[in-house]
Amino acid sequence: MNTTRRRLLLVMGVALPAVIPFCSASADVGLSWAAAYIRRIGDELAAIMANAGSSELRRRNLRPFLDRVVDVEGVARFCLGRFWRQVTPAQQRDYIQVFHAVLTNAVLGRVGDYEHNEVRVLIDQPETREGAVQVPTVVERTRNPPVKVTWVVSGGPDNPRIADVIAEGVSLRLTVRSDYNAFLTRHGDSIDALVEALRQQACDGCAPARLPASQ
């Protein structure tokens, strides 16, 4: 798996815990809700991960959090692309369920990187693009180069959800869709093969997940 793919897959776990402390640049008042949303979910994630307990307890607490703040089903459908309309409702349910598990593992597998490092996040002015609000940030971590991360927030101020994460100009969901499509092409367009590959990833516990295209 190449460096770009690995970095994108884990960016949720890398950036979300780092959203505090938050140093904000001036933002358009009409879009300030999006920046506030990113800061709030960073606070919530930090609180979840700060609670003592087993990794399984953290996993149980993290799953409903991700369901609430990320448009998981929408992202999962996007990543499957044209294949979504070709699979049965039962296969769709299996795929979305295992997609949830892989995303949870990706966050859990990286959140510990920030427990003993000084982290600062700078937020720039949110802007509307392609029907969503993009919130540009720069993540600065001790002994690491800064990383530009843009959060794509859909749903508006009444029901905001994270729809995509763009790291250094590269979209997470576009990269994952490309990998899934490549995997399906090599495996006779079998959604069952993809679900099984993702299920094997989910069974790896909190280890950083690998995309099936690398297999």
N, C-alpha and C. Protein backbone atom coordinates (compact mmCIF):
# COMPACT_ATOMS: atom_id res chain seq x y z
N MET A 1 0.85 -1.19 0.00
CA MET A 1 0.00 0.00 0.00
C MET A 1 0.88 1.24 0.00
N ASN A 2 0.62 2.19 -0.89
CA ASN A 2 1.50 3.33 -0.99
C ASN A 2 1.26 4.32 0.14
N THR A 3 2.20 5.28 0.30
CA THR A 3 2.15 6.21 1.41
C THR A 3 0.91 7.09 1.37
N THR A 4 0.53 7.56 0.19
CA THR A 4 -0.64 8.42 0.08
C THR A 4 -1.89 7.71 0.55
N ARG A 5 -2.09 6.45 0.14
CA ARG A 5 -3.27 5.70 0.52
C ARG A 5 -3.31 5.49 2.02
N ARG A 6 -2.18 5.12 2.63
CA ARG A 6 -2.13 4.89 4.07
C ARG A 6 -2.46 6.17 4.83
N ARG A 7 -1.90 7.27 4.36
CA ARG A 7 -2.11 8.54 5.05
C ARG A 7 -3.57 8.97 4.99
N LEU A 8 -4.21 8.77 3.84
CA LEU A 8 -5.61 9.14 3.69
C LEU A 8 -6.51 8.25 4.52
N LEU A 9 -6.26 6.95 4.53
CA LEU A 9 -7.10 6.03 5.27
C LEU A 9 -7.12 6.36 6.74
N LEU A 10 -5.99 6.82 7.28
CA LEU A 10 -5.87 7.06 8.72
C LEU A 10 -6.11 8.50 9.11
N VAL A 11 -6.46 9.37 8.17
CA VAL A 11 -6.53 10.79 8.48
C VAL A 11 -7.63 11.10 9.47
N MET A 12 -8.70 10.32 9.51
CA MET A 12 -9.73 10.56 10.52
C MET A 12 -9.13 10.42 11.91
N GLY A 13 -8.36 9.36 12.13
CA GLY A 13 -7.75 9.17 13.43
C GLY A 13 -6.65 10.15 13.72
N VAL A 14 -6.00 10.66 12.71
CA VAL A 14 -4.91 11.60 12.90
C VAL A 14 -5.42 12.98 13.27
N ALA A 15 -6.44 13.45 12.56
CA ALA A 15 -6.85 14.84 12.72
C ALA A 15 -7.91 15.07 13.77
N LEU A 16 -8.87 14.17 13.91
CA LEU A 16 -9.95 14.42 14.87
C LEU A 16 -9.45 14.63 16.29
N PRO A 17 -8.56 13.79 16.84
CA PRO A 17 -8.13 14.01 18.21
C PRO A 17 -7.32 15.29 18.37
N ALA A 18 -6.87 15.85 17.26
CA ALA A 18 -5.98 17.01 17.33
C ALA A 18 -6.71 18.33 17.27
N VAL A 19 -8.02 18.30 17.22
CA VAL A 19 -8.76 19.53 17.01
C VAL A 19 -8.70 20.44 18.24
N ILE A 20 -8.10 20.02 19.31
CA ILE A 20 -7.95 20.87 20.48
C ILE A 20 -6.46 20.88 20.89
N PRO A 21 -5.90 22.00 21.33
CA PRO A 21 -6.52 23.32 21.37
C PRO A 21 -6.71 23.90 19.97
N PHE A 22 -7.61 24.82 19.84
CA PHE A 22 -8.06 25.32 18.54
C PHE A 22 -7.69 26.79 18.42
N CYS A 23 -6.90 27.16 17.42
CA CYS A 23 -6.57 28.56 17.17
C CYS A 23 -7.21 28.95 15.86
N SER A 24 -8.22 29.79 15.91
CA SER A 24 -9.04 30.05 14.73
C SER A 24 -8.71 31.37 14.09
N ALA A 25 -8.61 31.35 12.77
CA ALA A 25 -8.51 32.59 12.01
C ALA A 25 -9.90 33.17 11.86
N SER A 26 -10.00 34.40 11.36
CA SER A 26 -11.32 34.99 11.17
C SER A 26 -12.09 34.20 10.14
N ALA A 27 -13.37 33.96 10.44
CA ALA A 27 -14.20 33.14 9.54
C ALA A 27 -15.46 33.90 9.19
N ASP A 28 -16.00 33.60 8.02
CA ASP A 28 -17.25 34.19 7.60
C ASP A 28 -18.33 33.82 8.62
N VAL A 29 -19.04 34.85 9.12
CA VAL A 29 -20.04 34.61 10.16
C VAL A 29 -21.08 33.60 9.69
N GLY A 30 -21.46 33.67 8.43
CA GLY A 30 -22.48 32.76 7.92
C GLY A 30 -22.05 31.31 7.88
N LEU A 31 -20.76 31.04 7.91
CA LEU A 31 -20.25 29.67 7.87
C LEU A 31 -19.51 29.28 9.15
N SER A 32 -19.56 30.14 10.15
CA SER A 32 -18.81 29.87 11.38
C SER A 32 -19.31 28.62 12.09
N TRP A 33 -20.56 28.23 11.82
CA TRP A 33 -21.10 27.02 12.44
C TRP A 33 -20.28 25.78 12.05
N ALA A 34 -19.75 25.77 10.83
CA ALA A 34 -18.99 24.60 10.37
C ALA A 34 -17.69 24.48 11.13
N ALA A 35 -17.00 25.60 11.34
CA ALA A 35 -15.77 25.57 12.13
C ALA A 35 -16.07 25.17 13.57
N ALA A 36 -17.16 25.69 14.13
CA ALA A 36 -17.55 25.34 15.50
C ALA A 36 -17.88 23.85 15.61
N TYR A 37 -18.47 23.30 14.56
CA TYR A 37 -18.81 21.88 14.55
C TYR A 37 -17.56 21.01 14.61
N ILE A 38 -16.56 21.35 13.81
CA ILE A 38 -15.32 20.59 13.82
C ILE A 38 -14.66 20.65 15.19
N ARG A 39 -14.67 21.83 15.80
CA ARG A 39 -14.08 21.96 17.14
C ARG A 39 -14.86 21.13 18.16
N ARG A 40 -16.19 21.16 18.07
CA ARG A 40 -17.01 20.43 19.05
C ARG A 40 -16.80 18.93 18.97
N ILE A 41 -16.76 18.39 17.76
CA ILE A 41 -16.58 16.94 17.67
C ILE A 41 -15.18 16.53 18.09
N GLY A 42 -14.21 17.44 17.95
CA GLY A 42 -12.88 17.16 18.47
C GLY A 42 -12.91 17.06 19.98
N ASP A 43 -13.64 17.96 20.63
CA ASP A 43 -13.81 17.91 22.08
C ASP A 43 -14.44 16.59 22.51
N GLU A 44 -15.49 16.19 21.79
CA GLU A 44 -16.21 14.97 22.15
C GLU A 44 -15.35 13.73 21.99
N LEU A 45 -14.58 13.68 20.92
CA LEU A 45 -13.72 12.52 20.70
C LEU A 45 -12.64 12.45 21.77
N ALA A 46 -12.06 13.61 22.11
CA ALA A 46 -11.04 13.64 23.15
C ALA A 46 -11.60 13.10 24.46
N ALA A 47 -12.85 13.46 24.78
CA ALA A 47 -13.47 12.99 26.02
C ALA A 47 -13.68 11.48 25.99
N ILE A 48 -14.09 10.96 24.84
CA ILE A 48 -14.30 9.51 24.71
C ILE A 48 -13.00 8.76 24.92
N MET A 49 -11.93 9.24 24.29
CA MET A 49 -10.67 8.52 24.36
C MET A 49 -9.95 8.73 25.68
N ALA A 50 -10.32 9.78 26.43
CA ALA A 50 -9.68 10.02 27.73
C ALA A 50 -10.23 9.12 28.82
N ASN A 51 -11.40 8.55 28.61
CA ASN A 51 -12.00 7.69 29.62
C ASN A 51 -11.21 6.39 29.75
N ALA A 52 -10.94 6.03 30.99
CA ALA A 52 -10.22 4.79 31.24
C ALA A 52 -11.11 3.61 30.86
N GLY A 53 -10.48 2.53 30.46
CA GLY A 53 -11.25 1.35 30.11
C GLY A 53 -10.55 0.56 29.03
N SER A 54 -11.13 -0.58 28.69
CA SER A 54 -10.55 -1.45 27.69
C SER A 54 -10.74 -0.89 26.30
N SER A 55 -9.99 -1.44 25.35
CA SER A 55 -10.15 -1.01 23.97
C SER A 55 -11.55 -1.32 23.45
N GLU A 56 -12.14 -2.41 23.95
CA GLU A 56 -13.49 -2.76 23.53
C GLU A 56 -14.50 -1.73 24.03
N LEU A 57 -14.29 -1.21 25.25
CA LEU A 57 -15.18 -0.17 25.76
C LEU A 57 -15.04 1.09 24.92
N ARG A 58 -13.82 1.45 24.58
CA ARG A 58 -13.62 2.61 23.71
C ARG A 58 -14.32 2.42 22.37
N ARG A 59 -14.23 1.20 21.86
CA ARG A 59 -14.86 0.90 20.58
C ARG A 59 -16.38 1.07 20.67
N ARG A 60 -16.97 0.59 21.75
CA ARG A 60 -18.42 0.71 21.91
C ARG A 60 -18.84 2.16 22.03
N ASN A 61 -18.01 3.00 22.64
CA ASN A 61 -18.34 4.42 22.77
C ASN A 61 -18.07 5.18 21.47
N LEU A 62 -17.07 4.72 20.72
CA LEU A 62 -16.69 5.43 19.50
C LEU A 62 -17.68 5.21 18.37
N ARG A 63 -18.23 4.01 18.28
CA ARG A 63 -19.13 3.67 17.16
C ARG A 63 -20.32 4.64 17.06
N PRO A 64 -21.11 4.85 18.13
CA PRO A 64 -22.24 5.79 17.98
C PRO A 64 -21.79 7.22 17.73
N PHE A 65 -20.60 7.59 18.23
CA PHE A 65 -20.08 8.92 17.96
C PHE A 65 -19.83 9.11 16.47
N LEU A 66 -19.16 8.14 15.84
CA LEU A 66 -18.89 8.23 14.41
C LEU A 66 -20.18 8.21 13.61
N ASP A 67 -21.14 7.40 14.04
CA ASP A 67 -22.42 7.35 13.34
C ASP A 67 -23.10 8.71 13.35
N ARG A 68 -22.90 9.45 14.42
CA ARG A 68 -23.58 10.73 14.58
C ARG A 68 -22.88 11.86 13.84
N VAL A 69 -21.55 11.86 13.80
CA VAL A 69 -20.84 13.01 13.25
C VAL A 69 -20.37 12.81 11.82
N VAL A 70 -20.32 11.58 11.36
CA VAL A 70 -19.87 11.28 9.99
C VAL A 70 -21.05 10.71 9.20
N ASP A 71 -21.18 11.12 7.97
CA ASP A 71 -22.19 10.53 7.09
C ASP A 71 -21.65 9.20 6.59
N VAL A 72 -21.63 8.22 7.50
CA VAL A 72 -20.97 6.95 7.19
C VAL A 72 -21.65 6.24 6.03
N GLU A 73 -22.97 6.18 6.04
CA GLU A 73 -23.65 5.48 4.96
C GLU A 73 -23.45 6.19 3.63
N GLY A 74 -23.50 7.53 3.64
CA GLY A 74 -23.28 8.27 2.40
C GLY A 74 -21.88 8.07 1.86
N VAL A 75 -20.89 8.09 2.75
CA VAL A 75 -19.51 7.87 2.32
C VAL A 75 -19.34 6.45 1.81
N ALA A 76 -19.93 5.48 2.51
CA ALA A 76 -19.83 4.08 2.09
C ALA A 76 -20.42 3.89 0.70
N ARG A 77 -21.57 4.49 0.46
CA ARG A 77 -22.20 4.37 -0.86
C ARG A 77 -21.34 5.02 -1.93
N PHE A 78 -20.80 6.19 -1.64
CA PHE A 78 -19.94 6.88 -2.60
C PHE A 78 -18.73 6.01 -2.93
N CYS A 79 -18.12 5.40 -1.91
CA CYS A 79 -16.91 4.61 -2.14
C CYS A 79 -17.20 3.37 -2.99
N LEU A 80 -18.42 2.87 -2.94
CA LEU A 80 -18.76 1.71 -3.78
C LEU A 80 -19.06 2.12 -5.21
N GLY A 81 -19.38 3.40 -5.42
CA GLY A 81 -19.57 3.91 -6.77
C GLY A 81 -20.70 3.22 -7.52
N ARG A 82 -20.45 2.91 -8.79
CA ARG A 82 -21.48 2.32 -9.65
C ARG A 82 -21.92 0.95 -9.17
N PHE A 83 -21.10 0.29 -8.34
CA PHE A 83 -21.44 -1.05 -7.89
C PHE A 83 -22.60 -1.05 -6.90
N TRP A 84 -22.86 0.11 -6.27
CA TRP A 84 -23.93 0.17 -5.27
C TRP A 84 -25.28 -0.27 -5.86
N ARG A 85 -25.56 0.14 -7.08
CA ARG A 85 -26.85 -0.18 -7.70
C ARG A 85 -26.91 -1.61 -8.22
N GLN A 86 -25.80 -2.31 -8.18
CA GLN A 86 -25.76 -3.67 -8.73
C GLN A 86 -25.87 -4.74 -7.66
N VAL A 87 -25.91 -4.36 -6.38
CA VAL A 87 -25.91 -5.35 -5.31
C VAL A 87 -27.29 -5.41 -4.65
N THR A 88 -27.55 -6.52 -3.97
CA THR A 88 -28.84 -6.72 -3.32
C THR A 88 -28.92 -5.90 -2.04
N PRO A 89 -30.13 -5.66 -1.53
CA PRO A 89 -30.27 -4.95 -0.24
C PRO A 89 -29.51 -5.64 0.89
N ALA A 90 -29.50 -6.96 0.90
CA ALA A 90 -28.76 -7.68 1.95
C ALA A 90 -27.26 -7.42 1.84
N GLN A 91 -26.73 -7.41 0.62
CA GLN A 91 -25.32 -7.12 0.42
C GLN A 91 -25.00 -5.68 0.80
N GLN A 92 -25.92 -4.76 0.50
CA GLN A 92 -25.72 -3.37 0.91
C GLN A 92 -25.61 -3.25 2.42
N ARG A 93 -26.49 -3.95 3.14
CA ARG A 93 -26.46 -3.91 4.60
C ARG A 93 -25.16 -4.48 5.14
N ASP A 94 -24.72 -5.62 4.58
CA ASP A 94 -23.47 -6.24 5.04
C ASP A 94 -22.29 -5.30 4.79
N TYR A 95 -22.27 -4.70 3.62
CA TYR A 95 -21.18 -3.80 3.26
C TYR A 95 -21.12 -2.59 4.19
N ILE A 96 -22.26 -1.94 4.43
CA ILE A 96 -22.26 -0.76 5.29
C ILE A 96 -21.86 -1.13 6.71
N GLN A 97 -22.31 -2.28 7.19
CA GLN A 97 -21.97 -2.72 8.54
C GLN A 97 -20.46 -2.89 8.70
N VAL A 98 -19.84 -3.55 7.74
CA VAL A 98 -18.40 -3.78 7.86
C VAL A 98 -17.61 -2.51 7.58
N PHE A 99 -18.16 -1.60 6.75
CA PHE A 99 -17.53 -0.31 6.53
C PHE A 99 -17.44 0.47 7.84
N HIS A 100 -18.51 0.42 8.63
CA HIS A 100 -18.50 1.04 9.96
C HIS A 100 -17.34 0.51 10.79
N ALA A 101 -17.18 -0.80 10.80
CA ALA A 101 -16.16 -1.42 11.64
C ALA A 101 -14.76 -1.02 11.20
N VAL A 102 -14.53 -0.97 9.89
CA VAL A 102 -13.21 -0.58 9.38
C VAL A 102 -12.90 0.87 9.75
N LEU A 103 -13.89 1.75 9.62
CA LEU A 103 -13.68 3.15 9.99
C LEU A 103 -13.36 3.28 11.47
N THR A 104 -14.09 2.54 12.32
CA THR A 104 -13.83 2.59 13.76
C THR A 104 -12.42 2.13 14.07
N ASN A 105 -11.98 1.05 13.43
CA ASN A 105 -10.62 0.55 13.64
C ASN A 105 -9.58 1.58 13.22
N ALA A 106 -9.84 2.27 12.12
CA ALA A 106 -8.88 3.24 11.62
C ALA A 106 -8.69 4.37 12.63
N VAL A 107 -9.79 4.83 13.23
CA VAL A 107 -9.68 5.90 14.23
C VAL A 107 -9.00 5.39 15.50
N LEU A 108 -9.44 4.23 15.99
CA LEU A 108 -8.85 3.68 17.21
C LEU A 108 -7.37 3.38 17.04
N GLY A 109 -7.00 2.95 15.84
CA GLY A 109 -5.62 2.57 15.59
C GLY A 109 -4.66 3.73 15.58
N ARG A 110 -5.16 4.97 15.45
CA ARG A 110 -4.28 6.12 15.36
C ARG A 110 -4.45 7.12 16.48
N VAL A 111 -5.54 7.05 17.22
CA VAL A 111 -5.81 8.08 18.20
C VAL A 111 -4.73 8.17 19.27
N GLY A 112 -4.08 7.06 19.57
CA GLY A 112 -3.04 7.06 20.59
C GLY A 112 -1.81 7.87 20.22
N ASP A 113 -1.63 8.18 18.94
CA ASP A 113 -0.48 8.97 18.51
C ASP A 113 -0.46 10.36 19.13
N TYR A 114 -1.64 10.82 19.58
CA TYR A 114 -1.73 12.19 20.07
C TYR A 114 -1.78 12.28 21.59
N GLU A 115 -1.68 11.16 22.28
CA GLU A 115 -1.82 11.18 23.72
C GLU A 115 -0.61 11.78 24.41
N HIS A 116 0.54 11.76 23.79
CA HIS A 116 1.76 12.24 24.44
C HIS A 116 2.48 13.27 23.58
N ASN A 117 1.75 13.95 22.71
CA ASN A 117 2.36 14.95 21.84
C ASN A 117 1.60 16.27 21.96
N GLU A 118 2.35 17.34 21.86
CA GLU A 118 1.72 18.66 21.84
C GLU A 118 1.17 18.90 20.43
N VAL A 119 -0.11 19.25 20.36
CA VAL A 119 -0.78 19.39 19.09
C VAL A 119 -1.50 20.74 19.04
N ARG A 120 -1.42 21.38 17.90
CA ARG A 120 -2.16 22.61 17.68
C ARG A 120 -2.81 22.55 16.30
N VAL A 121 -4.04 23.04 16.22
CA VAL A 121 -4.75 23.07 14.95
C VAL A 121 -5.12 24.50 14.63
N LEU A 122 -4.76 24.93 13.44
CA LEU A 122 -5.12 26.26 12.96
C LEU A 122 -6.24 26.12 11.95
N ILE A 123 -7.28 26.90 12.10
CA ILE A 123 -8.40 26.82 11.17
C ILE A 123 -8.49 28.08 10.34
N ASP A 124 -8.71 27.89 9.05
CA ASP A 124 -8.85 29.01 8.14
C ASP A 124 -10.33 29.25 7.89
N GLN A 125 -10.64 30.18 7.03
CA GLN A 125 -12.03 30.56 6.79
C GLN A 125 -12.76 29.48 6.00
N PRO A 126 -13.88 28.99 6.53
CA PRO A 126 -14.68 28.01 5.78
C PRO A 126 -15.24 28.63 4.50
N GLU A 127 -15.47 27.78 3.51
CA GLU A 127 -16.05 28.26 2.27
C GLU A 127 -16.94 27.19 1.66
N THR A 128 -17.92 27.64 0.90
CA THR A 128 -18.86 26.71 0.26
C THR A 128 -18.31 26.27 -1.08
N ARG A 129 -18.28 24.94 -1.29
CA ARG A 129 -17.85 24.37 -2.56
C ARG A 129 -18.67 23.12 -2.85
N GLU A 130 -19.20 23.05 -4.05
CA GLU A 130 -19.92 21.87 -4.53
C GLU A 130 -21.00 21.43 -3.55
N GLY A 131 -21.75 22.38 -3.03
CA GLY A 131 -22.89 22.06 -2.19
C GLY A 131 -22.57 21.70 -0.76
N ALA A 132 -21.32 21.82 -0.34
CA ALA A 132 -20.93 21.53 1.04
C ALA A 132 -20.03 22.65 1.54
N VAL A 133 -19.73 22.63 2.82
CA VAL A 133 -18.82 23.61 3.40
C VAL A 133 -17.48 22.96 3.67
N GLN A 134 -16.43 23.56 3.18
CA GLN A 134 -15.08 23.05 3.43
C GLN A 134 -14.42 23.88 4.52
N VAL A 135 -13.89 23.18 5.52
CA VAL A 135 -13.23 23.85 6.65
C VAL A 135 -11.74 23.50 6.59
N PRO A 136 -10.90 24.41 6.08
CA PRO A 136 -9.46 24.12 5.99
C PRO A 136 -8.79 24.24 7.35
N THR A 137 -7.93 23.29 7.67
CA THR A 137 -7.15 23.35 8.91
C THR A 137 -5.71 22.94 8.62
N VAL A 138 -4.83 23.32 9.53
CA VAL A 138 -3.44 22.88 9.51
C VAL A 138 -3.15 22.24 10.85
N VAL A 139 -2.76 20.97 10.85
CA VAL A 139 -2.46 20.23 12.07
C VAL A 139 -0.95 20.28 12.30
N GLU A 140 -0.56 20.83 13.44
CA GLU A 140 0.85 20.92 13.81
C GLU A 140 1.09 20.01 15.01
N ARG A 141 2.04 19.09 14.87
CA ARG A 141 2.33 18.13 15.93
C ARG A 141 3.83 18.11 16.20
N THR A 142 4.20 17.90 17.45
CA THR A 142 5.59 17.91 17.86
C THR A 142 6.43 16.96 17.01
N ARG A 143 7.54 17.48 16.47
CA ARG A 143 8.52 16.70 15.71
C ARG A 143 7.95 16.11 14.43
N ASN A 144 6.89 16.72 13.92
CA ASN A 144 6.30 16.27 12.66
C ASN A 144 5.98 17.48 11.80
N PRO A 145 6.09 17.34 10.48
CA PRO A 145 5.74 18.47 9.61
C PRO A 145 4.25 18.75 9.69
N PRO A 146 3.83 20.00 9.49
CA PRO A 146 2.40 20.32 9.51
C PRO A 146 1.66 19.62 8.38
N VAL A 147 0.40 19.30 8.64
CA VAL A 147 -0.43 18.60 7.66
C VAL A 147 -1.67 19.46 7.38
N LYS A 148 -1.94 19.70 6.10
CA LYS A 148 -3.15 20.44 5.71
C LYS A 148 -4.31 19.45 5.58
N VAL A 149 -5.33 19.67 6.38
CA VAL A 149 -6.50 18.81 6.37
C VAL A 149 -7.75 19.67 6.19
N THR A 150 -8.53 19.37 5.18
CA THR A 150 -9.79 20.09 4.94
C THR A 150 -10.96 19.15 5.23
N TRP A 151 -11.86 19.62 6.09
CA TRP A 151 -13.05 18.85 6.46
C TRP A 151 -14.21 19.30 5.58
N VAL A 152 -14.85 18.37 4.91
CA VAL A 152 -16.01 18.67 4.08
C VAL A 152 -17.26 18.35 4.89
N VAL A 153 -18.04 19.39 5.19
CA VAL A 153 -19.21 19.25 6.05
C VAL A 153 -20.47 19.46 5.23
N SER A 154 -21.38 18.49 5.27
CA SER A 154 -22.65 18.59 4.55
C SER A 154 -23.79 18.69 5.55
N GLY A 155 -24.99 18.92 5.05
CA GLY A 155 -26.17 18.89 5.90
C GLY A 155 -26.59 20.23 6.47
N GLY A 156 -25.73 21.25 6.40
CA GLY A 156 -26.09 22.56 6.90
C GLY A 156 -25.99 22.65 8.41
N PRO A 157 -26.23 23.83 8.98
CA PRO A 157 -26.06 24.04 10.42
C PRO A 157 -27.02 23.24 11.29
N ASP A 158 -28.16 22.81 10.74
CA ASP A 158 -29.13 22.07 11.54
C ASP A 158 -28.81 20.59 11.65
N ASN A 159 -28.07 20.04 10.69
CA ASN A 159 -27.74 18.62 10.72
C ASN A 159 -26.38 18.38 10.07
N PRO A 160 -25.32 18.95 10.64
CA PRO A 160 -24.00 18.82 10.00
C PRO A 160 -23.44 17.42 10.13
N ARG A 161 -22.79 16.96 9.06
CA ARG A 161 -22.12 15.65 9.05
C ARG A 161 -20.86 15.78 8.22
N ILE A 162 -19.82 15.06 8.61
CA ILE A 162 -18.59 15.02 7.82
C ILE A 162 -18.82 14.11 6.62
N ALA A 163 -18.61 14.65 5.42
CA ALA A 163 -18.83 13.90 4.19
C ALA A 163 -17.53 13.48 3.51
N ASP A 164 -16.43 14.15 3.85
CA ASP A 164 -15.15 13.81 3.25
C ASP A 164 -14.05 14.49 4.04
N VAL A 165 -12.85 13.96 3.90
CA VAL A 165 -11.65 14.57 4.49
C VAL A 165 -10.61 14.66 3.38
N ILE A 166 -10.04 15.84 3.20
CA ILE A 166 -9.05 16.05 2.14
C ILE A 166 -7.70 16.34 2.80
N ALA A 167 -6.75 15.46 2.61
CA ALA A 167 -5.42 15.62 3.20
C ALA A 167 -4.44 16.02 2.11
N GLU A 168 -3.81 17.18 2.30
CA GLU A 168 -2.85 17.68 1.33
C GLU A 168 -3.43 17.68 -0.09
N GLY A 169 -4.70 18.03 -0.19
CA GLY A 169 -5.34 18.16 -1.50
C GLY A 169 -5.89 16.88 -2.09
N VAL A 170 -5.79 15.76 -1.37
CA VAL A 170 -6.25 14.48 -1.89
C VAL A 170 -7.45 14.00 -1.08
N SER A 171 -8.54 13.68 -1.77
CA SER A 171 -9.78 13.28 -1.12
C SER A 171 -9.71 11.84 -0.60
N LEU A 172 -10.14 11.66 0.66
CA LEU A 172 -10.20 10.32 1.25
C LEU A 172 -11.18 9.44 0.50
N ARG A 173 -12.41 9.94 0.29
CA ARG A 173 -13.42 9.06 -0.29
C ARG A 173 -13.15 8.74 -1.75
N LEU A 174 -12.53 9.68 -2.49
CA LEU A 174 -12.17 9.38 -3.87
C LEU A 174 -11.08 8.32 -3.94
N THR A 175 -10.12 8.40 -3.02
CA THR A 175 -9.03 7.42 -2.99
C THR A 175 -9.55 6.04 -2.63
N VAL A 176 -10.43 5.98 -1.62
CA VAL A 176 -10.98 4.68 -1.22
C VAL A 176 -11.85 4.10 -2.35
N ARG A 177 -12.66 4.95 -3.02
CA ARG A 177 -13.49 4.44 -4.12
C ARG A 177 -12.62 3.87 -5.23
N SER A 178 -11.52 4.53 -5.54
CA SER A 178 -10.62 4.02 -6.56
C SER A 178 -10.07 2.65 -6.18
N ASP A 179 -9.70 2.49 -4.92
CA ASP A 179 -9.17 1.21 -4.46
C ASP A 179 -10.24 0.11 -4.48
N TYR A 180 -11.45 0.46 -4.02
CA TYR A 180 -12.53 -0.53 -4.01
C TYR A 180 -12.87 -0.96 -5.44
N ASN A 181 -12.94 0.01 -6.34
CA ASN A 181 -13.24 -0.33 -7.73
C ASN A 181 -12.18 -1.23 -8.33
N ALA A 182 -10.91 -0.94 -8.01
CA ALA A 182 -9.83 -1.78 -8.53
C ALA A 182 -9.94 -3.20 -7.98
N PHE A 183 -10.25 -3.31 -6.69
CA PHE A 183 -10.41 -4.62 -6.07
C PHE A 183 -11.56 -5.39 -6.73
N LEU A 184 -12.70 -4.74 -6.91
CA LEU A 184 -13.85 -5.41 -7.50
C LEU A 184 -13.58 -5.83 -8.95
N THR A 185 -12.88 -5.01 -9.69
CA THR A 185 -12.54 -5.35 -11.06
C THR A 185 -11.70 -6.62 -11.11
N ARG A 186 -10.75 -6.75 -10.17
CA ARG A 186 -9.88 -7.92 -10.15
C ARG A 186 -10.58 -9.16 -9.62
N HIS A 187 -11.72 -8.97 -8.93
CA HIS A 187 -12.42 -10.11 -8.34
C HIS A 187 -13.81 -10.30 -8.95
N GLY A 188 -13.91 -10.05 -10.25
CA GLY A 188 -15.13 -10.34 -10.97
C GLY A 188 -16.33 -9.54 -10.51
N ASP A 189 -16.12 -8.32 -10.03
CA ASP A 189 -17.20 -7.44 -9.54
C ASP A 189 -17.97 -8.07 -8.38
N SER A 190 -17.31 -8.90 -7.60
CA SER A 190 -17.98 -9.60 -6.50
C SER A 190 -18.00 -8.74 -5.23
N ILE A 191 -19.18 -8.25 -4.87
CA ILE A 191 -19.31 -7.48 -3.64
C ILE A 191 -19.06 -8.36 -2.43
N ASP A 192 -19.39 -9.66 -2.55
CA ASP A 192 -19.14 -10.57 -1.44
C ASP A 192 -17.65 -10.68 -1.14
N ALA A 193 -16.83 -10.67 -2.19
CA ALA A 193 -15.38 -10.73 -1.99
C ALA A 193 -14.89 -9.47 -1.29
N LEU A 194 -15.44 -8.31 -1.67
CA LEU A 194 -15.04 -7.06 -1.03
C LEU A 194 -15.46 -7.05 0.44
N VAL A 195 -16.69 -7.48 0.71
CA VAL A 195 -17.17 -7.51 2.10
C VAL A 195 -16.31 -8.43 2.94
N GLU A 196 -15.93 -9.57 2.39
CA GLU A 196 -15.10 -10.51 3.14
C GLU A 196 -13.73 -9.91 3.41
N ALA A 197 -13.15 -9.21 2.42
CA ALA A 197 -11.86 -8.57 2.64
C ALA A 197 -11.96 -7.50 3.71
N LEU A 198 -13.03 -6.71 3.70
CA LEU A 198 -13.22 -5.69 4.72
C LEU A 198 -13.47 -6.32 6.08
N ARG A 199 -14.18 -7.43 6.10
CA ARG A 199 -14.45 -8.12 7.36
C ARG A 199 -13.14 -8.62 7.98
N GLN A 200 -12.22 -9.09 7.16
CA GLN A 200 -10.92 -9.52 7.67
C GLN A 200 -10.16 -8.34 8.26
N GLN A 201 -10.28 -7.16 7.64
CA GLN A 201 -9.66 -5.97 8.21
C GLN A 201 -10.25 -5.68 9.58
N ALA A 202 -11.58 -5.73 9.68
CA ALA A 202 -12.26 -5.41 10.93
C ALA A 202 -11.86 -6.37 12.04
N CYS A 203 -11.54 -7.59 11.68
CA CYS A 203 -11.15 -8.58 12.68
C CYS A 203 -9.74 -8.36 13.21
N ASP A 204 -9.01 -7.40 12.61
CA ASP A 204 -7.66 -7.11 13.08
C ASP A 204 -7.66 -6.23 14.32
N GLY A 205 -8.84 -6.00 14.92
CA GLY A 205 -8.91 -5.18 16.13
C GLY A 205 -8.61 -3.75 15.84
N CYS A 206 -7.72 -3.16 16.63
CA CYS A 206 -7.43 -1.73 16.50
C CYS A 206 -6.23 -1.47 15.61
N ALA A 207 -5.74 -2.49 14.92
CA ALA A 207 -4.59 -2.26 14.04
C ALA A 207 -5.01 -1.38 12.89
N PRO A 208 -4.08 -0.53 12.39
CA PRO A 208 -4.41 0.32 11.25
C PRO A 208 -4.93 -0.51 10.09
N ALA A 209 -6.06 -0.12 9.55
CA ALA A 209 -6.71 -0.90 8.50
C ALA A 209 -5.96 -0.75 7.18
N ARG A 210 -6.03 -1.81 6.37
CA ARG A 210 -5.45 -1.78 5.03
C ARG A 210 -6.58 -1.89 4.02
N LEU A 211 -6.48 -1.17 2.97
CA LEU A 211 -7.48 -1.26 1.92
C LEU A 211 -7.33 -2.56 1.18
N PRO A 212 -8.46 -3.16 0.78
CA PRO A 212 -8.37 -4.44 0.08
C PRO A 212 -7.61 -4.36 -1.23
N ALA A 213 -7.50 -3.19 -1.84
CA ALA A 213 -6.78 -3.07 -3.10
C ALA A 213 -5.30 -3.41 -2.95
N SER A 214 -4.80 -3.39 -1.69
CA SER A 214 -3.39 -3.69 -1.47
C SER A 214 -3.14 -5.18 -1.39
N GLN A 215 -4.21 -5.99 -1.38
CA GLN A 215 -4.04 -7.43 -1.23
C GLN A 215 -3.77 -8.09 -2.57
